[in-house]
Amino acid sequence: MTTFFLFGRYTSESIKKIDAKRTKKAEEIISGYGGTLKWVYAILGDDDLLFMVELPGIGEAVQASLAISKATGIAIRSAPAVPVALFDNLAQEIMQE
């Protein structure tokens, strides 16, 4: 499983439909693509929502992001994440070349 962060931004239409059922729908969509919703927060700044999810791969992340956008009207962008220890090991390999 790969960890992804999904950043959500409300559109003028989607903000009118804020509802806990919509959050549940997003969780069901993620589950349908073989993933798990770890947590979701409402945040301030350029984005309105931040999801941490685990999905099998990039393809499923793309599909889940698009399906959430389609179902909720929330604009979603996705970013894969790796543990910092893994990042450090990968970077160290490059630096030693």
N, C-alpha and C. Protein backbone atom coordinates (compact mmCIF):
# COMPACT_ATOMS: atom_id res chain seq x y z
N MET A 1 0.84 -1.19 0.00
CA MET A 1 0.00 0.00 0.00
C MET A 1 0.88 1.24 0.00
N THR A 2 0.40 2.25 -0.67
CA THR A 2 1.11 3.53 -0.76
C THR A 2 0.29 4.59 -0.04
N THR A 3 0.98 5.45 0.69
CA THR A 3 0.31 6.55 1.37
C THR A 3 0.18 7.73 0.41
N PHE A 4 -0.99 8.34 0.40
CA PHE A 4 -1.26 9.53 -0.41
C PHE A 4 -1.92 10.58 0.46
N PHE A 5 -1.62 11.82 0.16
CA PHE A 5 -2.36 12.93 0.73
C PHE A 5 -3.24 13.48 -0.37
N LEU A 6 -4.51 13.64 -0.07
CA LEU A 6 -5.46 14.23 -1.01
C LEU A 6 -5.82 15.60 -0.45
N PHE A 7 -5.67 16.61 -1.27
CA PHE A 7 -5.98 17.97 -0.88
C PHE A 7 -7.28 18.36 -1.56
N GLY A 8 -8.26 18.79 -0.78
CA GLY A 8 -9.56 19.15 -1.33
C GLY A 8 -9.81 20.64 -1.24
N ARG A 9 -10.41 21.16 -2.29
CA ARG A 9 -10.77 22.57 -2.31
C ARG A 9 -12.26 22.66 -2.67
N TYR A 10 -13.00 23.35 -1.80
CA TYR A 10 -14.42 23.54 -2.07
C TYR A 10 -14.62 24.47 -3.26
N THR A 11 -15.56 24.09 -4.11
CA THR A 11 -16.01 24.99 -5.17
C THR A 11 -17.21 25.75 -4.62
N SER A 12 -17.66 26.76 -5.31
CA SER A 12 -18.82 27.52 -4.83
C SER A 12 -20.05 26.64 -4.70
N GLU A 13 -20.15 25.63 -5.55
CA GLU A 13 -21.28 24.71 -5.47
C GLU A 13 -21.11 23.67 -4.36
N SER A 14 -19.90 23.13 -4.23
CA SER A 14 -19.71 22.05 -3.25
C SER A 14 -19.81 22.55 -1.82
N ILE A 15 -19.49 23.81 -1.58
CA ILE A 15 -19.57 24.34 -0.21
C ILE A 15 -21.01 24.38 0.28
N LYS A 16 -21.95 24.50 -0.64
CA LYS A 16 -23.37 24.54 -0.27
C LYS A 16 -23.89 23.17 0.18
N LYS A 17 -23.11 22.13 -0.09
CA LYS A 17 -23.56 20.76 0.18
C LYS A 17 -22.73 20.08 1.26
N ILE A 18 -22.13 20.85 2.16
CA ILE A 18 -21.33 20.25 3.24
C ILE A 18 -22.24 19.37 4.09
N ASP A 19 -21.80 18.12 4.29
CA ASP A 19 -22.62 17.15 5.00
C ASP A 19 -21.74 15.97 5.39
N ALA A 20 -21.96 15.42 6.58
CA ALA A 20 -21.19 14.25 7.03
C ALA A 20 -21.39 13.06 6.09
N LYS A 21 -22.53 12.99 5.42
CA LYS A 21 -22.77 11.90 4.46
C LYS A 21 -21.79 11.96 3.30
N ARG A 22 -21.39 13.16 2.94
CA ARG A 22 -20.44 13.32 1.85
C ARG A 22 -19.07 12.78 2.26
N THR A 23 -18.69 12.99 3.51
CA THR A 23 -17.43 12.44 4.01
C THR A 23 -17.48 10.92 3.98
N LYS A 24 -18.60 10.36 4.39
CA LYS A 24 -18.78 8.91 4.35
C LYS A 24 -18.70 8.40 2.92
N LYS A 25 -19.25 9.15 1.97
CA LYS A 25 -19.20 8.75 0.56
C LYS A 25 -17.76 8.72 0.08
N ALA A 26 -16.95 9.71 0.47
CA ALA A 26 -15.54 9.73 0.08
C ALA A 26 -14.83 8.50 0.64
N GLU A 27 -15.13 8.15 1.88
CA GLU A 27 -14.51 6.97 2.49
C GLU A 27 -14.91 5.70 1.73
N GLU A 28 -16.16 5.61 1.31
CA GLU A 28 -16.62 4.45 0.55
C GLU A 28 -15.92 4.37 -0.81
N ILE A 29 -15.72 5.51 -1.43
CA ILE A 29 -15.02 5.54 -2.73
C ILE A 29 -13.59 5.03 -2.56
N ILE A 30 -12.90 5.53 -1.56
CA ILE A 30 -11.51 5.11 -1.30
C ILE A 30 -11.46 3.61 -1.04
N SER A 31 -12.38 3.12 -0.24
CA SER A 31 -12.46 1.69 0.06
C SER A 31 -12.72 0.88 -1.21
N GLY A 32 -13.55 1.41 -2.09
CA GLY A 32 -13.88 0.74 -3.35
C GLY A 32 -12.68 0.56 -4.27
N TYR A 33 -11.67 1.38 -4.09
CA TYR A 33 -10.44 1.25 -4.88
C TYR A 33 -9.35 0.53 -4.09
N GLY A 34 -9.77 -0.22 -3.06
CA GLY A 34 -8.84 -1.03 -2.29
C GLY A 34 -8.07 -0.26 -1.23
N GLY A 35 -8.55 0.93 -0.89
CA GLY A 35 -7.82 1.77 0.04
C GLY A 35 -8.48 1.93 1.39
N THR A 36 -7.80 2.71 2.22
CA THR A 36 -8.27 3.00 3.57
C THR A 36 -8.11 4.50 3.82
N LEU A 37 -9.17 5.12 4.33
CA LEU A 37 -9.07 6.51 4.76
C LEU A 37 -8.53 6.50 6.18
N LYS A 38 -7.33 7.05 6.37
CA LYS A 38 -6.70 7.08 7.69
C LYS A 38 -7.27 8.22 8.53
N TRP A 39 -7.37 9.40 7.93
CA TRP A 39 -7.98 10.55 8.59
C TRP A 39 -8.27 11.63 7.57
N VAL A 40 -9.12 12.55 7.97
CA VAL A 40 -9.41 13.72 7.14
C VAL A 40 -9.60 14.91 8.07
N TYR A 41 -9.01 16.03 7.69
CA TYR A 41 -9.11 17.27 8.47
C TYR A 41 -9.61 18.39 7.58
N ALA A 42 -10.40 19.28 8.17
CA ALA A 42 -10.69 20.56 7.54
C ALA A 42 -9.53 21.47 7.90
N ILE A 43 -9.00 22.19 6.91
CA ILE A 43 -7.83 23.03 7.15
C ILE A 43 -8.07 24.43 6.60
N LEU A 44 -7.23 25.36 7.02
CA LEU A 44 -7.29 26.73 6.54
C LEU A 44 -6.13 26.97 5.59
N GLY A 45 -6.32 27.81 4.60
CA GLY A 45 -5.24 28.10 3.66
C GLY A 45 -5.72 27.90 2.24
N ASP A 46 -4.81 27.51 1.37
CA ASP A 46 -5.14 27.31 -0.03
C ASP A 46 -6.11 26.15 -0.24
N ASP A 47 -6.04 25.16 0.63
CA ASP A 47 -6.93 24.00 0.56
C ASP A 47 -7.88 24.00 1.75
N ASP A 48 -8.99 23.28 1.60
CA ASP A 48 -10.01 23.23 2.65
C ASP A 48 -10.04 21.90 3.39
N LEU A 49 -9.56 20.85 2.74
CA LEU A 49 -9.57 19.51 3.32
C LEU A 49 -8.24 18.83 3.07
N LEU A 50 -7.84 17.99 4.01
CA LEU A 50 -6.63 17.18 3.86
C LEU A 50 -6.96 15.77 4.30
N PHE A 51 -6.84 14.84 3.36
CA PHE A 51 -7.07 13.42 3.62
C PHE A 51 -5.73 12.69 3.63
N MET A 52 -5.58 11.75 4.53
CA MET A 52 -4.46 10.81 4.44
C MET A 52 -5.09 9.46 4.14
N VAL A 53 -4.67 8.88 3.02
CA VAL A 53 -5.24 7.60 2.59
C VAL A 53 -4.13 6.64 2.22
N GLU A 54 -4.44 5.37 2.29
CA GLU A 54 -3.57 4.32 1.76
C GLU A 54 -4.30 3.67 0.61
N LEU A 55 -3.62 3.57 -0.53
CA LEU A 55 -4.18 2.96 -1.72
C LEU A 55 -3.13 2.05 -2.34
N PRO A 56 -3.56 1.08 -3.14
CA PRO A 56 -2.60 0.14 -3.73
C PRO A 56 -1.55 0.80 -4.62
N GLY A 57 -1.89 1.87 -5.33
CA GLY A 57 -0.92 2.49 -6.22
C GLY A 57 -1.42 3.78 -6.83
N ILE A 58 -0.64 4.31 -7.76
CA ILE A 58 -0.94 5.58 -8.42
C ILE A 58 -2.27 5.51 -9.18
N GLY A 59 -2.48 4.43 -9.88
CA GLY A 59 -3.72 4.30 -10.66
C GLY A 59 -4.95 4.42 -9.79
N GLU A 60 -4.94 3.74 -8.67
CA GLU A 60 -6.08 3.80 -7.76
C GLU A 60 -6.23 5.19 -7.15
N ALA A 61 -5.11 5.87 -6.91
CA ALA A 61 -5.17 7.24 -6.38
C ALA A 61 -5.82 8.18 -7.39
N VAL A 62 -5.46 8.03 -8.65
CA VAL A 62 -6.06 8.85 -9.70
C VAL A 62 -7.56 8.59 -9.77
N GLN A 63 -7.93 7.32 -9.80
CA GLN A 63 -9.34 6.96 -9.90
C GLN A 63 -10.13 7.43 -8.69
N ALA A 64 -9.59 7.22 -7.50
CA ALA A 64 -10.29 7.64 -6.28
C ALA A 64 -10.44 9.16 -6.26
N SER A 65 -9.41 9.89 -6.62
CA SER A 65 -9.47 11.35 -6.63
C SER A 65 -10.55 11.84 -7.58
N LEU A 66 -10.56 11.29 -8.79
CA LEU A 66 -11.56 11.69 -9.77
C LEU A 66 -12.97 11.31 -9.33
N ALA A 67 -13.11 10.12 -8.75
CA ALA A 67 -14.43 9.66 -8.30
C ALA A 67 -14.95 10.53 -7.15
N ILE A 68 -14.07 10.94 -6.24
CA ILE A 68 -14.48 11.83 -5.15
C ILE A 68 -14.93 13.17 -5.71
N SER A 69 -14.16 13.71 -6.65
CA SER A 69 -14.54 14.98 -7.28
C SER A 69 -15.89 14.87 -7.97
N LYS A 70 -16.07 13.79 -8.70
CA LYS A 70 -17.34 13.59 -9.42
C LYS A 70 -18.52 13.48 -8.46
N ALA A 71 -18.34 12.75 -7.36
CA ALA A 71 -19.43 12.50 -6.42
C ALA A 71 -19.74 13.69 -5.52
N THR A 72 -18.72 14.51 -5.23
CA THR A 72 -18.91 15.57 -4.23
C THR A 72 -18.80 16.99 -4.77
N GLY A 73 -18.21 17.14 -5.93
CA GLY A 73 -17.98 18.47 -6.47
C GLY A 73 -16.76 19.16 -5.88
N ILE A 74 -16.04 18.47 -4.99
CA ILE A 74 -14.84 19.03 -4.37
C ILE A 74 -13.66 18.77 -5.30
N ALA A 75 -12.90 19.81 -5.58
CA ALA A 75 -11.70 19.65 -6.42
C ALA A 75 -10.63 18.97 -5.59
N ILE A 76 -10.11 17.84 -6.08
CA ILE A 76 -9.12 17.04 -5.34
C ILE A 76 -7.82 17.00 -6.12
N ARG A 77 -6.71 17.18 -5.42
CA ARG A 77 -5.39 16.91 -5.99
C ARG A 77 -4.69 15.94 -5.05
N SER A 78 -3.85 15.10 -5.61
CA SER A 78 -3.24 14.00 -4.86
C SER A 78 -1.73 14.08 -4.90
N ALA A 79 -1.11 13.61 -3.82
CA ALA A 79 0.35 13.56 -3.75
C ALA A 79 0.76 12.30 -3.01
N PRO A 80 1.66 11.49 -3.62
CA PRO A 80 2.16 10.32 -2.90
C PRO A 80 3.10 10.78 -1.79
N ALA A 81 3.19 9.97 -0.76
CA ALA A 81 4.06 10.29 0.38
C ALA A 81 4.88 9.05 0.74
N VAL A 82 6.10 9.29 1.19
CA VAL A 82 6.95 8.20 1.67
C VAL A 82 7.44 8.58 3.07
N PRO A 83 7.64 7.59 3.92
CA PRO A 83 8.21 7.89 5.24
C PRO A 83 9.56 8.58 5.08
N VAL A 84 9.85 9.51 5.97
CA VAL A 84 11.08 10.29 5.85
C VAL A 84 12.32 9.39 5.95
N ALA A 85 12.25 8.30 6.71
CA ALA A 85 13.40 7.38 6.79
C ALA A 85 13.69 6.76 5.42
N LEU A 86 12.66 6.39 4.69
CA LEU A 86 12.85 5.85 3.35
C LEU A 86 13.40 6.94 2.43
N PHE A 87 12.86 8.14 2.52
CA PHE A 87 13.36 9.24 1.73
C PHE A 87 14.85 9.48 2.00
N ASP A 88 15.22 9.49 3.27
CA ASP A 88 16.62 9.69 3.64
C ASP A 88 17.51 8.61 3.04
N ASN A 89 17.07 7.35 3.09
CA ASN A 89 17.85 6.25 2.52
C ASN A 89 17.99 6.39 1.01
N LEU A 90 16.91 6.75 0.34
CA LEU A 90 16.97 6.93 -1.12
C LEU A 90 17.89 8.09 -1.48
N ALA A 91 17.77 9.18 -0.75
CA ALA A 91 18.64 10.34 -1.00
C ALA A 91 20.09 10.02 -0.75
N GLN A 92 20.35 9.26 0.31
CA GLN A 92 21.72 8.91 0.66
C GLN A 92 22.36 8.08 -0.46
N GLU A 93 21.59 7.18 -1.06
CA GLU A 93 22.12 6.39 -2.16
C GLU A 93 22.56 7.28 -3.31
N ILE A 94 21.80 8.30 -3.62
CA ILE A 94 22.14 9.22 -4.70
C ILE A 94 23.37 10.04 -4.33
N MET A 95 23.45 10.48 -3.11
CA MET A 95 24.56 11.33 -2.67
C MET A 95 25.89 10.58 -2.63
N GLN A 96 25.83 9.24 -2.51
CA GLN A 96 27.04 8.44 -2.45
C GLN A 96 27.54 8.06 -3.84
N GLU A 97 26.79 8.38 -4.87
CA GLU A 97 27.24 8.02 -6.24
C GLU A 97 28.34 8.93 -6.70
